[in-house]
Amino acid sequence: MRIVMMATGDIAIPSFHALLATGELVGLITQPDRPVGRHQTLTPPRIKVCAQESGIPVFQPERMRDAEAVAHLRSMQPDIVVVMAYGQILSQEVIDVPTLACINAHASLLPRHRGAACIQAAIEAGDDETGVTIMHVVKKLDAGDIICNRTIALRGTETAESLHDDLAELAPEALAEAIYQLRNGTADPQEQDESLMTYAPKLLRAHGQIDWHEPAMQVARKIRAYHSWPGTFTTYPSVKSGGDKTLKIFPPVDLFSYYKKPVDAVPGMVLEAGPDGMLISCGGPRGGAVRISTMQPPGARKMNAESFFAGHKIMPGTILGLPVFPER
């Protein structure tokens, strides 16, 4: 059995090592090195480094659908191509190259949460469970027939960062089952129920702006779901500059769904401010409030509430947040 992996994101690294251990992995296709950070240093995907350290050949086409790239994949003579967080839409020509199957490991329980932000979407939606789905790759995004999946329960405390790592460790088990079935001819792929489909598009930094008019539960979920990408933020009025400054917000977040607020409280109003954090009024039919205790003002490091209030003045009664929010 000859297996080629197509992957770029760190979530695929445990699966790479699992495939490597089988002795059947013959190559890695990943995205080109990209400029990273303030100094735009050309940086390889971490999975490329893993492959080079393991002696696995690496191919980095700019466009996988180009004729040269397709020809290179054919020359590797794969029986199975495993795709995971690769970052390019594959052409039918690429999908048809392996003799057995081109399969994808997706970090949700399909058909729920197709798309790039599937991990964040599961947390933000308040799902009770999520998992990893192994499916056949088709031209339509994340719509292929399902071979198998693995499920984990959500506790309601996860961040996207911690859930990413949990799903990364779960994926090799699901992949091993799918490859076993394909190898032995026992796979029985099931068509996805399109009526159950939801879509989680790629997130931008602007999507992390908190809308304090949402219920406290939803605000708390968003803070967890968007850590550490794209992150969440609000704005606060600056006495010194006379304008609004951006305040980045980090987990943990304390939820007060049934907090009894003052009668004059409006969404985004700071109800309490001190070394324990800021208690902020939220909207929705039941209102509620959240307390944030870790934050980062412009040009400064991430800090706890005690450090923040040592140098910044946000008094109870201050209204946080801009009125305009980006569309998803």
C-alpha atoms as a PDB file:
ATOM      1  CA  MET A   1       0.000   0.000   0.000  1.00  0.00           C
ATOM      2  CA  ARG A   2       1.374   3.414  -1.000  1.00  0.00           C
ATOM      3  CA  ILE A   3      -0.029   6.434   0.844  1.00  0.00           C
ATOM      4  CA  VAL A   4       0.541  10.096   0.013  1.00  0.00           C
ATOM      5  CA  MET A   5      -0.520  12.740   2.534  1.00  0.00           C
ATOM      6  CA  MET A   6      -1.669  16.215   1.514  1.00  0.00           C
ATOM      7  CA  ALA A   7      -1.609  18.448   4.603  1.00  0.00           C
ATOM      8  CA  THR A   8      -0.453  21.819   5.869  1.00  0.00           C
ATOM      9  CA  GLY A   9      -2.088  22.607   9.233  1.00  0.00           C
ATOM     10  CA  ASP A  10      -0.638  21.475  12.552  1.00  0.00           C
ATOM     11  CA  ILE A  11      -3.798  19.462  13.227  1.00  0.00           C
ATOM     12  CA  ALA A  12      -2.486  16.897  10.725  1.00  0.00           C
ATOM     13  CA  ILE A  13       0.845  16.238  12.476  1.00  0.00           C
ATOM     14  CA  PRO A  14      -0.326  13.342  14.737  1.00  0.00           C
ATOM     15  CA  SER A  15      -1.933  11.700  11.686  1.00  0.00           C
ATOM     16  CA  PHE A  16       1.298  12.160   9.727  1.00  0.00           C
ATOM     17  CA  HIS A  17       3.245  10.327  12.442  1.00  0.00           C
ATOM     18  CA  ALA A  18       0.634   7.554  12.556  1.00  0.00           C
ATOM     19  CA  LEU A  19       0.859   7.042   8.798  1.00  0.00           C
ATOM     20  CA  LEU A  20       4.647   7.184   8.993  1.00  0.00           C
ATOM     21  CA  ALA A  21       4.597   4.367  11.563  1.00  0.00           C
ATOM     22  CA  THR A  22       2.796   2.078   9.106  1.00  0.00           C
ATOM     23  CA  GLY A  23       5.752   2.181   6.725  1.00  0.00           C
ATOM     24  CA  GLU A  24       3.362   2.947   3.854  1.00  0.00           C
ATOM     25  CA  LEU A  25       3.734   6.748   3.664  1.00  0.00           C
ATOM     26  CA  VAL A  26       5.702   7.609   0.523  1.00  0.00           C
ATOM     27  CA  GLY A  27       5.340  11.379   0.322  1.00  0.00           C
ATOM     28  CA  LEU A  28       3.948  14.632   1.711  1.00  0.00           C
ATOM     29  CA  ILE A  29       2.369  17.372  -0.389  1.00  0.00           C
ATOM     30  CA  THR A  30       2.056  20.639   1.489  1.00  0.00           C
ATOM     31  CA  GLN A  31       1.697  24.364   0.861  1.00  0.00           C
ATOM     32  CA  PRO A  32       4.762  26.461  -0.067  1.00  0.00           C
ATOM     33  CA  ASP A  33       6.724  28.181   2.683  1.00  0.00           C
ATOM     34  CA  ARG A  34       5.088  31.509   3.605  1.00  0.00           C
ATOM     35  CA  PRO A  35       6.262  34.795   5.193  1.00  0.00           C
ATOM     36  CA  VAL A  36       5.358  34.847   8.892  1.00  0.00           C
ATOM     37  CA  GLY A  37       5.466  37.459  11.635  1.00  0.00           C
ATOM     38  CA  ARG A  38       6.431  41.104  11.836  1.00  0.00           C
ATOM     39  CA  HIS A  39       9.640  40.527   9.903  1.00  0.00           C
ATOM     40  CA  GLN A  40       7.898  38.317   7.307  1.00  0.00           C
ATOM     41  CA  THR A  41      10.401  35.493   7.741  1.00  0.00           C
ATOM     42  CA  LEU A  42       9.902  32.733   5.176  1.00  0.00           C
ATOM     43  CA  THR A  43       8.689  29.802   7.284  1.00  0.00           C
ATOM     44  CA  PRO A  44       7.882  26.196   6.306  1.00  0.00           C
ATOM     45  CA  PRO A  45       4.759  24.402   7.554  1.00  0.00           C
ATOM     46  CA  ARG A  46       5.638  22.437  10.690  1.00  0.00           C
ATOM     47  CA  ILE A  47       4.504  19.241   9.012  1.00  0.00           C
ATOM     48  CA  LYS A  48       7.124  19.786   6.298  1.00  0.00           C
ATOM     49  CA  VAL A  49       9.810  19.855   8.982  1.00  0.00           C
ATOM     50  CA  CYS A  50       8.427  16.595  10.397  1.00  0.00           C
ATOM     51  CA  ALA A  51       8.624  14.997   6.950  1.00  0.00           C
ATOM     52  CA  GLN A  52      12.178  16.178   6.313  1.00  0.00           C
ATOM     53  CA  GLU A  53      13.310  14.881   9.701  1.00  0.00           C
ATOM     54  CA  SER A  54      11.677  11.523   8.864  1.00  0.00           C
ATOM     55  CA  GLY A  55      13.168  11.222   5.371  1.00  0.00           C
ATOM     56  CA  ILE A  56       9.783  11.548   3.637  1.00  0.00           C
ATOM     57  CA  PRO A  57       9.905  13.371   0.258  1.00  0.00           C
ATOM     58  CA  VAL A  58       8.134  16.758   0.275  1.00  0.00           C
ATOM     59  CA  PHE A  59       6.447  18.467  -2.681  1.00  0.00           C
ATOM     60  CA  GLN A  60       5.158  22.067  -2.387  1.00  0.00           C
ATOM     61  CA  PRO A  61       3.241  23.159  -5.479  1.00  0.00           C
ATOM     62  CA  GLU A  62       1.752  26.647  -5.549  1.00  0.00           C
ATOM     63  CA  ARG A  63      -1.321  25.226  -7.292  1.00  0.00           C
ATOM     64  CA  MET A  64      -2.088  21.529  -6.973  1.00  0.00           C
ATOM     65  CA  ARG A  65      -4.373  21.652 -10.008  1.00  0.00           C
ATOM     66  CA  ASP A  66      -1.487  22.598 -12.356  1.00  0.00           C
ATOM     67  CA  ALA A  67      -0.466  19.918 -14.840  1.00  0.00           C
ATOM     68  CA  GLU A  68       3.051  19.651 -13.404  1.00  0.00           C
ATOM     69  CA  ALA A  69       1.701  19.068  -9.906  1.00  0.00           C
ATOM     70  CA  VAL A  70      -0.779  16.426 -11.071  1.00  0.00           C
ATOM     71  CA  ALA A  71       1.988  14.660 -12.999  1.00  0.00           C
ATOM     72  CA  HIS A  72       4.193  14.667  -9.896  1.00  0.00           C
ATOM     73  CA  LEU A  73       1.398  13.090  -7.836  1.00  0.00           C
ATOM     74  CA  ARG A  74       0.927  10.403 -10.478  1.00  0.00           C
ATOM     75  CA  SER A  75       4.648   9.637 -10.385  1.00  0.00           C
ATOM     76  CA  MET A  76       4.287   8.820  -6.677  1.00  0.00           C
ATOM     77  CA  GLN A  77       1.812   6.028  -7.625  1.00  0.00           C
ATOM     78  CA  PRO A  78      -0.424   6.377  -4.555  1.00  0.00           C
ATOM     79  CA  ASP A  79      -3.062   3.803  -3.681  1.00  0.00           C
ATOM     80  CA  ILE A  80      -4.588   6.246  -1.166  1.00  0.00           C
ATOM     81  CA  VAL A  81      -4.265  10.008  -0.853  1.00  0.00           C
ATOM     82  CA  VAL A  82      -5.040  11.323   2.638  1.00  0.00           C
ATOM     83  CA  VAL A  83      -6.038  15.004   2.761  1.00  0.00           C
ATOM     84  CA  MET A  84      -6.146  16.947   6.029  1.00  0.00           C
ATOM     85  CA  ALA A  85      -6.091  20.728   6.457  1.00  0.00           C
ATOM     86  CA  TYR A  86      -4.263  21.079   3.136  1.00  0.00           C
ATOM     87  CA  GLY A  87      -5.641  24.482   2.160  1.00  0.00           C
ATOM     88  CA  GLN A  88      -6.446  24.029  -1.538  1.00  0.00           C
ATOM     89  CA  ILE A  89      -9.519  22.846  -3.409  1.00  0.00           C
ATOM     90  CA  LEU A  90      -8.629  19.740  -5.407  1.00  0.00           C
ATOM     91  CA  SER A  91      -9.533  19.221  -9.044  1.00  0.00           C
ATOM     92  CA  GLN A  92     -11.247  16.052 -10.216  1.00  0.00           C
ATOM     93  CA  GLU A  93      -8.010  15.147 -12.002  1.00  0.00           C
ATOM     94  CA  VAL A  94      -6.188  15.095  -8.660  1.00  0.00           C
ATOM     95  CA  ILE A  95      -9.005  13.217  -6.911  1.00  0.00           C
ATOM     96  CA  ASP A  96      -8.851  10.476  -9.547  1.00  0.00           C
ATOM     97  CA  VAL A  97      -5.091   9.801  -9.239  1.00  0.00           C
ATOM     98  CA  PRO A  98      -5.009   7.219  -6.380  1.00  0.00           C
ATOM     99  CA  THR A  99      -6.019   3.683  -7.292  1.00  0.00           C
ATOM    100  CA  LEU A 100      -8.165   3.104  -4.178  1.00  0.00           C
ATOM    101  CA  ALA A 101      -9.388   6.435  -2.835  1.00  0.00           C
ATOM    102  CA  CYS A 102      -8.733  10.073  -2.103  1.00  0.00           C
ATOM    103  CA  ILE A 103     -10.001  10.634   1.436  1.00  0.00           C
ATOM    104  CA  ASN A 104     -10.252  13.631   3.749  1.00  0.00           C
ATOM    105  CA  ALA A 105     -10.063  13.883   7.543  1.00  0.00           C
ATOM    106  CA  HIS A 106     -12.375  16.726   8.607  1.00  0.00           C
ATOM    107  CA  ALA A 107     -12.608  18.105  12.154  1.00  0.00           C
ATOM    108  CA  SER A 108     -16.383  17.926  12.649  1.00  0.00           C
ATOM    109  CA  LEU A 109     -19.223  15.424  12.553  1.00  0.00           C
ATOM    110  CA  LEU A 110     -20.346  15.925   8.982  1.00  0.00           C
ATOM    111  CA  PRO A 111     -22.623  17.107   7.527  1.00  0.00           C
ATOM    112  CA  ARG A 112     -22.571  19.575  10.448  1.00  0.00           C
ATOM    113  CA  HIS A 113     -19.984  22.345  10.145  1.00  0.00           C
ATOM    114  CA  ARG A 114     -18.532  21.998   6.687  1.00  0.00           C
ATOM    115  CA  GLY A 115     -15.869  24.570   5.939  1.00  0.00           C
ATOM    116  CA  ALA A 116     -12.673  26.015   7.373  1.00  0.00           C
ATOM    117  CA  ALA A 117     -13.913  27.178  10.800  1.00  0.00           C
ATOM    118  CA  CYS A 118     -15.536  23.886  11.824  1.00  0.00           C
ATOM    119  CA  ILE A 119     -13.790  23.721  15.223  1.00  0.00           C
ATOM    120  CA  GLN A 120     -14.818  27.243  16.209  1.00  0.00           C
ATOM    121  CA  ALA A 121     -18.346  26.646  14.928  1.00  0.00           C
ATOM    122  CA  ALA A 122     -18.933  23.626  17.178  1.00  0.00           C
ATOM    123  CA  ILE A 123     -18.032  25.640  20.287  1.00  0.00           C
ATOM    124  CA  GLU A 124     -19.871  28.796  19.241  1.00  0.00           C
ATOM    125  CA  ALA A 125     -23.021  26.786  18.476  1.00  0.00           C
ATOM    126  CA  GLY A 126     -22.951  25.106  21.883  1.00  0.00           C
ATOM    127  CA  ASP A 127     -22.792  21.594  20.414  1.00  0.00           C
ATOM    128  CA  ASP A 128     -22.798  18.685  22.852  1.00  0.00           C
ATOM    129  CA  GLU A 129     -20.303  16.721  20.768  1.00  0.00           C
ATOM    130  CA  THR A 130     -17.985  16.945  17.800  1.00  0.00           C
ATOM    131  CA  GLY A 131     -15.361  14.713  16.249  1.00  0.00           C
ATOM    132  CA  VAL A 132     -13.436  13.714  13.154  1.00  0.00           C
ATOM    133  CA  THR A 133     -15.072  12.467   9.960  1.00  0.00           C
ATOM    134  CA  ILE A 134     -13.280  10.513   7.228  1.00  0.00           C
ATOM    135  CA  MET A 135     -14.954  10.947   3.849  1.00  0.00           C
ATOM    136  CA  HIS A 136     -14.263  10.514   0.167  1.00  0.00           C
ATOM    137  CA  VAL A 137     -13.051  13.729  -1.454  1.00  0.00           C
ATOM    138  CA  VAL A 138     -15.380  15.214  -4.072  1.00  0.00           C
ATOM    139  CA  LYS A 139     -15.254  18.567  -5.847  1.00  0.00           C
ATOM    140  CA  LYS A 140     -18.010  20.020  -3.641  1.00  0.00           C
ATOM    141  CA  LEU A 141     -16.572  21.206  -0.331  1.00  0.00           C
ATOM    142  CA  ASP A 142     -16.692  18.576   2.457  1.00  0.00           C
ATOM    143  CA  ALA A 143     -19.633  16.833   0.753  1.00  0.00           C
ATOM    144  CA  GLY A 144     -18.218  13.369   0.050  1.00  0.00           C
ATOM    145  CA  ASP A 145     -19.637  10.078   1.297  1.00  0.00           C
ATOM    146  CA  ILE A 146     -18.677   9.278   4.897  1.00  0.00           C
ATOM    147  CA  ILE A 147     -16.508   6.221   5.549  1.00  0.00           C
ATOM    148  CA  CYS A 148     -16.342   6.497   9.343  1.00  0.00           C
ATOM    149  CA  ASN A 149     -16.028   8.977  12.192  1.00  0.00           C
ATOM    150  CA  ARG A 150     -14.934   9.290  15.788  1.00  0.00           C
ATOM    151  CA  THR A 151     -16.801  11.367  18.372  1.00  0.00           C
ATOM    152  CA  ILE A 152     -15.858  13.269  21.527  1.00  0.00           C
ATOM    153  CA  ALA A 153     -18.140  15.013  24.023  1.00  0.00           C
ATOM    154  CA  LEU A 154     -17.856  18.747  24.599  1.00  0.00           C
ATOM    155  CA  ARG A 155     -17.767  19.899  28.223  1.00  0.00           C
ATOM    156  CA  GLY A 156     -18.577  23.561  27.605  1.00  0.00           C
ATOM    157  CA  THR A 157     -15.136  24.742  28.736  1.00  0.00           C
ATOM    158  CA  GLU A 158     -13.074  24.092  25.607  1.00  0.00           C
ATOM    159  CA  THR A 159     -11.348  26.754  23.581  1.00  0.00           C
ATOM    160  CA  ALA A 160     -10.758  26.303  19.867  1.00  0.00           C
ATOM    161  CA  GLU A 161      -7.094  25.873  20.696  1.00  0.00           C
ATOM    162  CA  SER A 162      -7.637  23.017  23.152  1.00  0.00           C
ATOM    163  CA  LEU A 163     -10.281  21.359  20.965  1.00  0.00           C
ATOM    164  CA  HIS A 164      -7.950  21.573  17.951  1.00  0.00           C
ATOM    165  CA  ASP A 165      -5.373  19.556  19.905  1.00  0.00           C
ATOM    166  CA  ASP A 166      -7.958  17.010  21.092  1.00  0.00           C
ATOM    167  CA  LEU A 167      -9.203  16.437  17.539  1.00  0.00           C
ATOM    168  CA  ALA A 168      -5.656  16.201  16.227  1.00  0.00           C
ATOM    169  CA  GLU A 169      -5.062  13.284  18.610  1.00  0.00           C
ATOM    170  CA  LEU A 170      -8.393  11.673  17.674  1.00  0.00           C
ATOM    171  CA  ALA A 171      -7.863  11.787  13.906  1.00  0.00           C
ATOM    172  CA  PRO A 172      -5.280   8.955  13.581  1.00  0.00           C
ATOM    173  CA  GLU A 173      -7.762   6.478  15.078  1.00  0.00           C
ATOM    174  CA  ALA A 174     -10.429   7.431  12.549  1.00  0.00           C
ATOM    175  CA  LEU A 175      -7.938   7.349   9.668  1.00  0.00           C
ATOM    176  CA  ALA A 176      -6.668   3.918  10.659  1.00  0.00           C
ATOM    177  CA  GLU A 177     -10.219   2.556  10.596  1.00  0.00           C
ATOM    178  CA  ALA A 178     -10.970   4.088   7.197  1.00  0.00           C
ATOM    179  CA  ILE A 179      -7.740   2.783   5.637  1.00  0.00           C
ATOM    180  CA  TYR A 180      -8.385  -0.677   7.091  1.00  0.00           C
ATOM    181  CA  GLN A 181     -11.827  -0.742   5.494  1.00  0.00           C
ATOM    182  CA  LEU A 182     -10.536   0.477   2.129  1.00  0.00           C
ATOM    183  CA  ARG A 183      -7.688  -2.032   2.149  1.00  0.00           C
ATOM    184  CA  ASN A 184     -10.009  -4.946   2.916  1.00  0.00           C
ATOM    185  CA  GLY A 185     -12.898  -3.878   0.704  1.00  0.00           C
ATOM    186  CA  THR A 186     -15.282  -3.591   3.648  1.00  0.00           C
ATOM    187  CA  ALA A 187     -15.922   0.158   3.436  1.00  0.00           C
ATOM    188  CA  ASP A 188     -19.605   1.089   3.148  1.00  0.00           C
ATOM    189  CA  PRO A 189     -19.606   4.869   2.544  1.00  0.00           C
ATOM    190  CA  GLN A 190     -22.771   6.687   3.556  1.00  0.00           C
ATOM    191  CA  GLU A 191     -24.148   9.680   1.680  1.00  0.00           C
ATOM    192  CA  GLN A 192     -24.401  12.883   3.700  1.00  0.00           C
ATOM    193  CA  ASP A 193     -27.850  14.210   4.561  1.00  0.00           C
ATOM    194  CA  GLU A 194     -27.840  17.637   2.925  1.00  0.00           C
ATOM    195  CA  SER A 195     -30.787  18.769   5.051  1.00  0.00           C
ATOM    196  CA  LEU A 196     -28.501  18.624   8.119  1.00  0.00           C
ATOM    197  CA  MET A 197     -25.661  20.589   6.525  1.00  0.00           C
ATOM    198  CA  THR A 198     -24.263  23.727   8.153  1.00  0.00           C
ATOM    199  CA  TYR A 199     -21.392  25.833   6.843  1.00  0.00           C
ATOM    200  CA  ALA A 200     -18.546  27.442   8.810  1.00  0.00           C
ATOM    201  CA  PRO A 201     -16.612  29.785   6.508  1.00  0.00           C
ATOM    202  CA  LYS A 202     -13.084  31.029   7.049  1.00  0.00           C
ATOM    203  CA  LEU A 203     -12.799  33.565   9.866  1.00  0.00           C
ATOM    204  CA  LEU A 204     -11.134  36.968   9.660  1.00  0.00           C
ATOM    205  CA  ARG A 205      -9.803  39.075  12.542  1.00  0.00           C
ATOM    206  CA  ALA A 206     -12.773  41.412  12.212  1.00  0.00           C
ATOM    207  CA  HIS A 207     -15.155  38.568  13.072  1.00  0.00           C
ATOM    208  CA  GLY A 208     -13.743  38.550  16.608  1.00  0.00           C
ATOM    209  CA  GLN A 209     -15.462  41.796  17.590  1.00  0.00           C
ATOM    210  CA  ILE A 210     -17.802  41.157  20.518  1.00  0.00           C
ATOM    211  CA  ASP A 211     -21.435  42.188  20.101  1.00  0.00           C
ATOM    212  CA  TRP A 212     -22.561  42.884  23.652  1.00  0.00           C
ATOM    213  CA  HIS A 213     -26.188  42.808  22.487  1.00  0.00           C
ATOM    214  CA  GLU A 214     -25.907  39.017  22.289  1.00  0.00           C
ATOM    215  CA  PRO A 215     -26.849  36.930  25.365  1.00  0.00           C
ATOM    216  CA  ALA A 216     -24.112  36.290  27.913  1.00  0.00           C
ATOM    217  CA  MET A 217     -23.984  32.592  27.006  1.00  0.00           C
ATOM    218  CA  GLN A 218     -23.283  33.419  23.361  1.00  0.00           C
ATOM    219  CA  VAL A 219     -20.628  35.987  24.241  1.00  0.00           C
ATOM    220  CA  ALA A 220     -18.877  33.476  26.502  1.00  0.00           C
ATOM    221  CA  ARG A 221     -18.963  30.815  23.793  1.00  0.00           C
ATOM    222  CA  LYS A 222     -17.494  33.198  21.242  1.00  0.00           C
ATOM    223  CA  ILE A 223     -14.583  34.134  23.508  1.00  0.00           C
ATOM    224  CA  ARG A 224     -13.765  30.434  23.898  1.00  0.00           C
ATOM    225  CA  ALA A 225     -14.455  29.560  20.267  1.00  0.00           C
ATOM    226  CA  TYR A 226     -12.222  32.263  18.809  1.00  0.00           C
ATOM    227  CA  HIS A 227      -9.195  31.564  21.015  1.00  0.00           C
ATOM    228  CA  SER A 228      -6.582  31.717  19.688  1.00  0.00           C
ATOM    229  CA  TRP A 229      -7.720  32.545  16.137  1.00  0.00           C
ATOM    230  CA  PRO A 230      -9.071  35.050  15.211  1.00  0.00           C
ATOM    231  CA  GLY A 231      -9.246  36.210  18.838  1.00  0.00           C
ATOM    232  CA  THR A 232     -11.947  38.427  20.362  1.00  0.00           C
ATOM    233  CA  PHE A 233     -11.921  42.124  21.100  1.00  0.00           C
ATOM    234  CA  THR A 234     -14.002  45.101  22.084  1.00  0.00           C
ATOM    235  CA  THR A 235     -13.356  48.832  22.317  1.00  0.00           C
ATOM    236  CA  TYR A 236     -13.293  51.227  25.235  1.00  0.00           C
ATOM    237  CA  PRO A 237     -13.276  55.027  25.403  1.00  0.00           C
ATOM    238  CA  SER A 238      -9.883  56.534  26.139  1.00  0.00           C
ATOM    239  CA  VAL A 239      -9.816  59.677  28.285  1.00  0.00           C
ATOM    240  CA  LYS A 240      -6.273  60.530  27.144  1.00  0.00           C
ATOM    241  CA  SER A 241      -6.787  60.179  23.382  1.00  0.00           C
ATOM    242  CA  GLY A 242     -10.437  61.179  23.285  1.00  0.00           C
ATOM    243  CA  GLY A 243     -11.269  58.212  21.044  1.00  0.00           C
ATOM    244  CA  ASP A 244     -11.853  54.484  21.283  1.00  0.00           C
ATOM    245  CA  LYS A 245      -9.096  51.949  21.881  1.00  0.00           C
ATOM    246  CA  THR A 246      -9.166  48.243  21.096  1.00  0.00           C
ATOM    247  CA  LEU A 247      -9.055  45.764  23.962  1.00  0.00           C
ATOM    248  CA  LYS A 248      -8.263  42.133  23.170  1.00  0.00           C
ATOM    249  CA  ILE A 249     -10.106  39.608  25.344  1.00  0.00           C
ATOM    250  CA  PHE A 250      -8.910  36.146  26.340  1.00  0.00           C
ATOM    251  CA  PRO A 251     -10.351  33.127  28.164  1.00  0.00           C
ATOM    252  CA  PRO A 252     -11.187  32.266  30.837  1.00  0.00           C
ATOM    253  CA  VAL A 253     -14.572  33.935  30.919  1.00  0.00           C
ATOM    254  CA  ASP A 254     -17.027  33.671  33.815  1.00  0.00           C
ATOM    255  CA  LEU A 255     -20.677  33.418  32.813  1.00  0.00           C
ATOM    256  CA  PHE A 256     -23.546  34.947  34.785  1.00  0.00           C
ATOM    257  CA  SER A 257     -26.594  33.978  32.721  1.00  0.00           C
ATOM    258  CA  TYR A 258     -29.123  35.225  35.264  1.00  0.00           C
ATOM    259  CA  TYR A 259     -27.235  38.132  36.771  1.00  0.00           C
ATOM    260  CA  LYS A 260     -29.591  40.717  38.291  1.00  0.00           C
ATOM    261  CA  LYS A 261     -28.405  43.911  36.664  1.00  0.00           C
ATOM    262  CA  PRO A 262     -29.142  47.530  37.570  1.00  0.00           C
ATOM    263  CA  VAL A 263     -32.257  48.880  35.882  1.00  0.00           C
ATOM    264  CA  ASP A 264     -30.189  51.304  33.795  1.00  0.00           C
ATOM    265  CA  ALA A 265     -27.807  48.626  32.499  1.00  0.00           C
ATOM    266  CA  VAL A 266     -27.426  48.402  28.717  1.00  0.00           C
ATOM    267  CA  PRO A 267     -25.458  45.897  26.616  1.00  0.00           C
ATOM    268  CA  GLY A 268     -21.733  46.576  26.888  1.00  0.00           C
ATOM    269  CA  MET A 269     -21.977  48.485  30.171  1.00  0.00           C
ATOM    270  CA  VAL A 270     -19.223  47.799  32.698  1.00  0.00           C
ATOM    271  CA  LEU A 271     -21.000  46.812  35.909  1.00  0.00           C
ATOM    272  CA  GLU A 272     -17.928  46.152  38.031  1.00  0.00           C
ATOM    273  CA  ALA A 273     -14.238  46.892  37.428  1.00  0.00           C
ATOM    274  CA  GLY A 274     -11.346  45.843  39.616  1.00  0.00           C
ATOM    275  CA  PRO A 275      -8.577  43.302  40.236  1.00  0.00           C
ATOM    276  CA  ASP A 276     -11.017  40.410  39.754  1.00  0.00           C
ATOM    277  CA  GLY A 277     -11.892  41.623  36.260  1.00  0.00           C
ATOM    278  CA  MET A 278     -14.632  43.488  34.439  1.00  0.00           C
ATOM    279  CA  LEU A 279     -18.237  42.383  34.753  1.00  0.00           C
ATOM    280  CA  ILE A 280     -19.965  43.414  31.527  1.00  0.00           C
ATOM    281  CA  SER A 281     -23.684  43.561  30.792  1.00  0.00           C
ATOM    282  CA  CYS A 282     -24.952  41.542  27.817  1.00  0.00           C
ATOM    283  CA  GLY A 283     -28.182  41.601  25.827  1.00  0.00           C
ATOM    284  CA  GLY A 284     -30.742  39.061  24.733  1.00  0.00           C
ATOM    285  CA  PRO A 285     -34.110  38.224  26.275  1.00  0.00           C
ATOM    286  CA  ARG A 286     -32.515  37.006  29.526  1.00  0.00           C
ATOM    287  CA  GLY A 287     -29.644  39.466  29.596  1.00  0.00           C
ATOM    288  CA  GLY A 288     -26.925  38.182  31.838  1.00  0.00           C
ATOM    289  CA  ALA A 289     -23.314  39.265  32.151  1.00  0.00           C
ATOM    290  CA  VAL A 290     -19.788  37.967  31.679  1.00  0.00           C
ATOM    291  CA  ARG A 291     -16.638  38.650  33.654  1.00  0.00           C
ATOM    292  CA  ILE A 292     -13.348  38.898  31.779  1.00  0.00           C
ATOM    293  CA  SER A 293     -10.079  38.824  33.680  1.00  0.00           C
ATOM    294  CA  THR A 294      -7.368  38.538  31.001  1.00  0.00           C
ATOM    295  CA  MET A 295      -6.956  41.257  28.401  1.00  0.00           C
ATOM    296  CA  GLN A 296      -4.495  43.145  26.210  1.00  0.00           C
ATOM    297  CA  PRO A 297      -4.616  46.884  25.484  1.00  0.00           C
ATOM    298  CA  PRO A 298      -2.926  48.375  22.387  1.00  0.00           C
ATOM    299  CA  GLY A 299       0.878  48.220  22.389  1.00  0.00           C
ATOM    300  CA  ALA A 300       1.036  46.153  25.561  1.00  0.00           C
ATOM    301  CA  ARG A 301       1.368  42.538  26.601  1.00  0.00           C
ATOM    302  CA  LYS A 302      -1.462  40.258  27.664  1.00  0.00           C
ATOM    303  CA  MET A 303      -2.182  40.880  31.341  1.00  0.00           C
ATOM    304  CA  ASN A 304      -4.530  40.064  34.192  1.00  0.00           C
ATOM    305  CA  ALA A 305      -7.140  42.515  35.417  1.00  0.00           C
ATOM    306  CA  GLU A 306      -5.067  43.691  38.368  1.00  0.00           C
ATOM    307  CA  SER A 307      -2.192  44.715  36.063  1.00  0.00           C
ATOM    308  CA  PHE A 308      -4.587  46.276  33.566  1.00  0.00           C
ATOM    309  CA  PHE A 309      -6.354  48.486  36.068  1.00  0.00           C
ATOM    310  CA  ALA A 310      -3.038  49.613  37.527  1.00  0.00           C
ATOM    311  CA  GLY A 311      -2.515  51.645  34.370  1.00  0.00           C
ATOM    312  CA  HIS A 312      -5.944  52.038  32.728  1.00  0.00           C
ATOM    313  CA  LYS A 313      -9.136  53.716  33.867  1.00  0.00           C
ATOM    314  CA  ILE A 314     -12.389  51.979  32.965  1.00  0.00           C
ATOM    315  CA  MET A 315     -15.048  52.860  35.491  1.00  0.00           C
ATOM    316  CA  PRO A 316     -18.404  51.162  36.162  1.00  0.00           C
ATOM    317  CA  GLY A 317     -20.935  52.699  33.803  1.00  0.00           C
ATOM    318  CA  THR A 318     -18.515  52.796  30.841  1.00  0.00           C
ATOM    319  CA  ILE A 319     -20.038  51.470  27.605  1.00  0.00           C
ATOM    320  CA  LEU A 320     -17.826  49.118  25.594  1.00  0.00           C
ATOM    321  CA  GLY A 321     -18.015  48.229  21.937  1.00  0.00           C
ATOM    322  CA  LEU A 322     -18.459  49.745  18.492  1.00  0.00           C
ATOM    323  CA  PRO A 323     -21.924  49.855  16.908  1.00  0.00           C
ATOM    324  CA  VAL A 324     -20.967  48.236  13.576  1.00  0.00           C
ATOM    325  CA  PHE A 325     -20.159  44.539  13.311  1.00  0.00           C
ATOM    326  CA  PRO A 326     -18.775  42.531  10.351  1.00  0.00           C
ATOM    327  CA  GLU A 327     -20.988  40.115   8.484  1.00  0.00           C
ATOM    328  CA  ARG A 328     -20.123  36.427   8.419  1.00  0.00           C
END
